[in-house]
Every structure is written in structure tokens, then in C-alpha cells.
Amino acid sequence: MNTCRMDISHDGTTMVIASGNTVSFWDSQSFEKQKSFEVPTPVYSACLHNSKDFFVAGGEDFKLYKFSYADGSELESYKGHFGPVHCVRFSPDGEIYASGSEDGTLRLWQTTVGKTYGLWKWEDPTEDGTKEDEKLSSMAESSSPQVVNAQA
């Protein structure tokens, strides 16, 4: 199945389209294609960093990829999910980015070093009696990734 997902750059000038094994970039005012790159696996989502030096993409092979925006070369790849990656997005300051997967997790990654910054996983809030505030408080005090309840 071929999917297509669009994102808009932080400054609003560039549309990022992930479709199949291609990530393309379009001017958001003129709708003219700026550039397009083939990637090694079908991707479901891509996001351009605020600096426009690189972009990240995730998809079918459970990995995240970091590519050069100048020439499309692969800079790094990361494995952390146990299912296809359906969404990636940079934080407003560009310091971290999030990836969401079919495995039910959301991971935060540090942009500069690429290591995982945190892990959130959907859990049924009726499974234990711990209050959400207690879980979030203990997570904030810990430097290691933790699993916390999420609510829709």
C-alpha cells in the first residue's frame, strides 16, 4: 500500500511530501517542486529541520533516518520502534523530534546526538490505581526513559 503524507516546514515556506520511497519538497506559495530524494525504504512521514540542513523520515522498516537536505545522502539511521513509524515531527526549537509507531509508542530523540530521549506507550488507565500526576512526576524526576499512561 502506498501512502502519502504532507508536512509543512517550521517557517511555513516548504511542504514536505513522503510517498513510497520518495521524499519531495515543494514551495508552499508557488507549489513548485524544489527537490526530491529517493530513500531506502517506503516512508510514511518526513519532517524538515528548522535549519533546513537535514530532514528525518520514518516508515515501513521500523527505523528513523536522518538525511542531508542539500543532497539527500543518509547521515544516520536509528532503530527503536517495533513497528512501522507513521509520524515524525521536530519540536519548535528543533532540539528534539518525536516519532510515533504502530507499536503504540512515541519516542523522543535528541537532534544533535540522535539517541532516544524518552518513550511513551499507550496503556489502559484502568489497569492500575496509580494517578497520572504521580506517574508524570516520577518520570520528570528520572533521566531514564519510562513508560507512562497516555489518554486520548
C-alpha atoms as a PDB file:
ATOM      1  CA  MET A   1       0.000   0.000   0.000  1.00  0.00           C
ATOM      2  CA  ASN A   2       1.401   3.375  -0.997  1.00  0.00           C
ATOM      3  CA  THR A   3       0.585   6.223   1.361  1.00  0.00           C
ATOM      4  CA  CYS A   4       1.231   9.936   1.077  1.00  0.00           C
ATOM      5  CA  ARG A   5       1.754  12.304   3.976  1.00  0.00           C
ATOM      6  CA  MET A   6       2.397  16.039   3.932  1.00  0.00           C
ATOM      7  CA  ASP A   7       4.140  18.237   6.491  1.00  0.00           C
ATOM      8  CA  ILE A   8       4.919  21.943   6.407  1.00  0.00           C
ATOM      9  CA  SER A   9       8.294  23.384   7.414  1.00  0.00           C
ATOM     10  CA  HIS A  10       8.576  25.355  10.652  1.00  0.00           C
ATOM     11  CA  ASP A  11       8.755  28.654   8.740  1.00  0.00           C
ATOM     12  CA  GLY A  12       5.814  27.701   6.514  1.00  0.00           C
ATOM     13  CA  THR A  13       7.727  28.035   3.229  1.00  0.00           C
ATOM     14  CA  THR A  14       8.236  24.370   2.326  1.00  0.00           C
ATOM     15  CA  MET A  15       5.841  21.441   2.029  1.00  0.00           C
ATOM     16  CA  VAL A  16       7.377  18.029   2.716  1.00  0.00           C
ATOM     17  CA  ILE A  17       5.720  15.079   0.965  1.00  0.00           C
ATOM     18  CA  ALA A  18       6.537  11.478   1.929  1.00  0.00           C
ATOM     19  CA  SER A  19       5.234   8.910  -0.535  1.00  0.00           C
ATOM     20  CA  GLY A  20       6.606   5.431  -1.138  1.00  0.00           C
ATOM     21  CA  ASN A  21      10.403   5.580  -1.402  1.00  0.00           C
ATOM     22  CA  THR A  22      10.398   9.310  -2.149  1.00  0.00           C
ATOM     23  CA  VAL A  23      10.569  12.453  -0.037  1.00  0.00           C
ATOM     24  CA  SER A  24       9.945  15.639  -2.003  1.00  0.00           C
ATOM     25  CA  PHE A  25       9.989  19.304  -1.072  1.00  0.00           C
ATOM     26  CA  TRP A  26       7.675  21.899  -2.583  1.00  0.00           C
ATOM     27  CA  ASP A  27       7.454  25.682  -2.318  1.00  0.00           C
ATOM     28  CA  SER A  28       4.295  26.348  -0.294  1.00  0.00           C
ATOM     29  CA  GLN A  29       3.492  29.582  -2.182  1.00  0.00           C
ATOM     30  CA  SER A  30       4.133  28.616  -5.815  1.00  0.00           C
ATOM     31  CA  PHE A  31       3.596  24.840  -5.404  1.00  0.00           C
ATOM     32  CA  GLU A  32       6.759  24.234  -7.455  1.00  0.00           C
ATOM     33  CA  LYS A  33       8.894  21.221  -6.624  1.00  0.00           C
ATOM     34  CA  GLN A  34      12.202  22.309  -5.056  1.00  0.00           C
ATOM     35  CA  LYS A  35      13.849  18.884  -4.809  1.00  0.00           C
ATOM     36  CA  SER A  36      13.113  15.214  -4.415  1.00  0.00           C
ATOM     37  CA  PHE A  37      15.107  12.302  -2.974  1.00  0.00           C
ATOM     38  CA  GLU A  38      14.792   8.537  -3.176  1.00  0.00           C
ATOM     39  CA  VAL A  39      15.089   6.845   0.236  1.00  0.00           C
ATOM     40  CA  PRO A  40      15.976   3.199   1.021  1.00  0.00           C
ATOM     41  CA  THR A  41      12.566   2.119   2.322  1.00  0.00           C
ATOM     42  CA  PRO A  42       8.935   3.156   1.953  1.00  0.00           C
ATOM     43  CA  VAL A  43       8.392   6.081   4.328  1.00  0.00           C
ATOM     44  CA  TYR A  44       5.143   7.220   5.893  1.00  0.00           C
ATOM     45  CA  SER A  45       6.301  10.554   7.282  1.00  0.00           C
ATOM     46  CA  ALA A  46       9.115  13.087   6.885  1.00  0.00           C
ATOM     47  CA  CYS A  47       9.922  16.404   8.537  1.00  0.00           C
ATOM     48  CA  LEU A  48      12.412  19.141   7.626  1.00  0.00           C
ATOM     49  CA  HIS A  49      14.568  20.568  10.432  1.00  0.00           C
ATOM     50  CA  ASN A  50      14.190  24.295  11.167  1.00  0.00           C
ATOM     51  CA  SER A  51      17.730  24.965   9.864  1.00  0.00           C
ATOM     52  CA  LYS A  52      16.866  23.219   6.563  1.00  0.00           C
ATOM     53  CA  ASP A  53      20.192  21.371   6.809  1.00  0.00           C
ATOM     54  CA  PHE A  54      18.589  17.936   7.178  1.00  0.00           C
ATOM     55  CA  PHE A  55      15.324  16.052   7.408  1.00  0.00           C
ATOM     56  CA  VAL A  56      14.154  12.913   9.181  1.00  0.00           C
ATOM     57  CA  ALA A  57      11.885  10.197   7.825  1.00  0.00           C
ATOM     58  CA  GLY A  58      10.365   7.008   9.153  1.00  0.00           C
ATOM     59  CA  GLY A  59       8.377   4.190   7.688  1.00  0.00           C
ATOM     60  CA  GLU A  60       7.944   0.554   6.947  1.00  0.00           C
ATOM     61  CA  ASP A  61      11.238  -0.877   8.292  1.00  0.00           C
ATOM     62  CA  PHE A  62      10.731   0.408  11.894  1.00  0.00           C
ATOM     63  CA  LYS A  63      13.720   2.804  11.564  1.00  0.00           C
ATOM     64  CA  LEU A  64      14.201   6.549  11.523  1.00  0.00           C
ATOM     65  CA  TYR A  65      16.547   8.083   9.001  1.00  0.00           C
ATOM     66  CA  LYS A  66      18.331  11.418   9.011  1.00  0.00           C
ATOM     67  CA  PHE A  67      19.187  12.761   5.536  1.00  0.00           C
ATOM     68  CA  SER A  68      21.063  15.787   4.214  1.00  0.00           C
ATOM     69  CA  TYR A  69      18.669  18.338   2.745  1.00  0.00           C
ATOM     70  CA  ALA A  70      21.413  19.527   0.367  1.00  0.00           C
ATOM     71  CA  ASP A  71      21.976  16.226  -1.449  1.00  0.00           C
ATOM     72  CA  GLY A  72      19.714  13.576   0.125  1.00  0.00           C
ATOM     73  CA  SER A  73      22.588  11.489   1.470  1.00  0.00           C
ATOM     74  CA  GLU A  74      21.841   9.358   4.520  1.00  0.00           C
ATOM     75  CA  LEU A  75      23.535  10.874   7.578  1.00  0.00           C
ATOM     76  CA  GLU A  76      22.341   8.460  10.269  1.00  0.00           C
ATOM     77  CA  SER A  77      19.702   5.849  10.987  1.00  0.00           C
ATOM     78  CA  TYR A  78      18.133   4.833  14.284  1.00  0.00           C
ATOM     79  CA  LYS A  79      16.245   1.787  15.425  1.00  0.00           C
ATOM     80  CA  GLY A  80      13.978   1.961  18.440  1.00  0.00           C
ATOM     81  CA  HIS A  81      10.473   1.043  17.357  1.00  0.00           C
ATOM     82  CA  PHE A  82       8.973  -2.427  16.995  1.00  0.00           C
ATOM     83  CA  GLY A  83       6.501  -1.446  14.304  1.00  0.00           C
ATOM     84  CA  PRO A  84       6.294   0.842  11.275  1.00  0.00           C
ATOM     85  CA  VAL A  85       6.910   4.536  12.005  1.00  0.00           C
ATOM     86  CA  HIS A  86       3.851   6.556  10.993  1.00  0.00           C
ATOM     87  CA  CYS A  87       4.809  10.071  12.074  1.00  0.00           C
ATOM     88  CA  VAL A  88       7.878  12.202  12.775  1.00  0.00           C
ATOM     89  CA  ARG A  89       7.977  15.838  13.845  1.00  0.00           C
ATOM     90  CA  PHE A  90      10.588  18.279  15.183  1.00  0.00           C
ATOM     91  CA  SER A  91       9.967  20.336  18.299  1.00  0.00           C
ATOM     92  CA  PRO A  92       9.544  24.088  17.681  1.00  0.00           C
ATOM     93  CA  ASP A  93      13.142  24.743  18.792  1.00  0.00           C
ATOM     94  CA  GLY A  94      14.486  21.847  16.680  1.00  0.00           C
ATOM     95  CA  GLU A  95      16.360  20.321  19.624  1.00  0.00           C
ATOM     96  CA  ILE A  96      14.343  17.096  19.688  1.00  0.00           C
ATOM     97  CA  TYR A  97      11.991  15.228  17.423  1.00  0.00           C
ATOM     98  CA  ALA A  98       9.244  12.740  18.077  1.00  0.00           C
ATOM     99  CA  SER A  99       8.401   9.548  16.243  1.00  0.00           C
ATOM    100  CA  GLY A 100       5.161   7.624  16.573  1.00  0.00           C
ATOM    101  CA  SER A 101       4.853   3.980  15.653  1.00  0.00           C
ATOM    102  CA  GLU A 102       2.315   1.270  15.024  1.00  0.00           C
ATOM    103  CA  ASP A 103       3.819  -0.451  18.097  1.00  0.00           C
ATOM    104  CA  GLY A 104       1.867   2.070  20.209  1.00  0.00           C
ATOM    105  CA  THR A 105       4.886   4.110  21.307  1.00  0.00           C
ATOM    106  CA  LEU A 106       6.029   7.678  20.926  1.00  0.00           C
ATOM    107  CA  ARG A 107       9.792   8.226  21.147  1.00  0.00           C
ATOM    108  CA  LEU A 108      11.665  11.476  21.603  1.00  0.00           C
ATOM    109  CA  TRP A 109      15.107  11.776  20.024  1.00  0.00           C
ATOM    110  CA  GLN A 110      17.819  14.364  20.593  1.00  0.00           C
ATOM    111  CA  THR A 111      18.568  16.058  17.282  1.00  0.00           C
ATOM    112  CA  THR A 112      22.273  16.610  17.877  1.00  0.00           C
ATOM    113  CA  VAL A 113      23.229  13.131  19.073  1.00  0.00           C
ATOM    114  CA  GLY A 114      20.323  11.046  17.795  1.00  0.00           C
ATOM    115  CA  LYS A 115      19.815   8.969  20.910  1.00  0.00           C
ATOM    116  CA  THR A 116      16.406   8.290  22.333  1.00  0.00           C
ATOM    117  CA  TYR A 117      15.173  10.991  24.672  1.00  0.00           C
ATOM    118  CA  GLY A 118      12.127   9.245  26.059  1.00  0.00           C
ATOM    119  CA  LEU A 119       9.452   6.662  25.465  1.00  0.00           C
ATOM    120  CA  TRP A 120       5.717   6.899  25.921  1.00  0.00           C
ATOM    121  CA  LYS A 121       3.454   3.934  25.406  1.00  0.00           C
ATOM    122  CA  TRP A 122      -0.312   3.694  25.380  1.00  0.00           C
ATOM    123  CA  GLU A 123      -1.584   1.734  28.380  1.00  0.00           C
ATOM    124  CA  ASP A 124      -5.099   1.173  29.634  1.00  0.00           C
ATOM    125  CA  PRO A 125      -5.574   3.623  32.530  1.00  0.00           C
ATOM    126  CA  THR A 126      -7.827   1.127  34.312  1.00  0.00           C
ATOM    127  CA  GLU A 127      -5.031  -1.452  34.743  1.00  0.00           C
ATOM    128  CA  ASP A 128      -3.592   0.036  37.945  1.00  0.00           C
ATOM    129  CA  GLY A 129      -4.542   2.578  40.561  1.00  0.00           C
ATOM    130  CA  THR A 130      -1.605   4.959  40.075  1.00  0.00           C
ATOM    131  CA  LYS A 131      -2.697   8.519  39.473  1.00  0.00           C
ATOM    132  CA  GLU A 132      -1.485  10.217  36.299  1.00  0.00           C
ATOM    133  CA  ASP A 133       0.123  13.052  38.299  1.00  0.00           C
ATOM    134  CA  GLU A 134       2.240  10.545  40.263  1.00  0.00           C
ATOM    135  CA  LYS A 135       3.464   8.859  37.077  1.00  0.00           C
ATOM    136  CA  LEU A 136       4.298  12.137  35.349  1.00  0.00           C
ATOM    137  CA  SER A 137       6.061  13.407  38.463  1.00  0.00           C
ATOM    138  CA  SER A 138       8.230  10.294  38.741  1.00  0.00           C
ATOM    139  CA  MET A 139       9.033  10.491  35.033  1.00  0.00           C
ATOM    140  CA  ALA A 140      10.104  14.138  35.320  1.00  0.00           C
ATOM    141  CA  GLU A 141      12.468  13.283  38.179  1.00  0.00           C
ATOM    142  CA  SER A 142      14.128  10.413  36.284  1.00  0.00           C
ATOM    143  CA  SER A 143      16.661  10.709  33.472  1.00  0.00           C
ATOM    144  CA  SER A 144      15.872   7.267  32.030  1.00  0.00           C
ATOM    145  CA  PRO A 145      13.055   6.630  29.528  1.00  0.00           C
ATOM    146  CA  GLN A 146       9.843   5.496  31.178  1.00  0.00           C
ATOM    147  CA  VAL A 147       6.526   4.062  30.142  1.00  0.00           C
ATOM    148  CA  VAL A 148       3.565   6.202  31.173  1.00  0.00           C
ATOM    149  CA  ASN A 149      -0.156   6.126  30.599  1.00  0.00           C
ATOM    150  CA  ALA A 150      -1.493   8.233  27.766  1.00  0.00           C
ATOM    151  CA  GLN A 151      -5.062   9.386  27.428  1.00  0.00           C
ATOM    152  CA  ALA A 152      -6.990  10.118  24.281  1.00  0.00           C
END
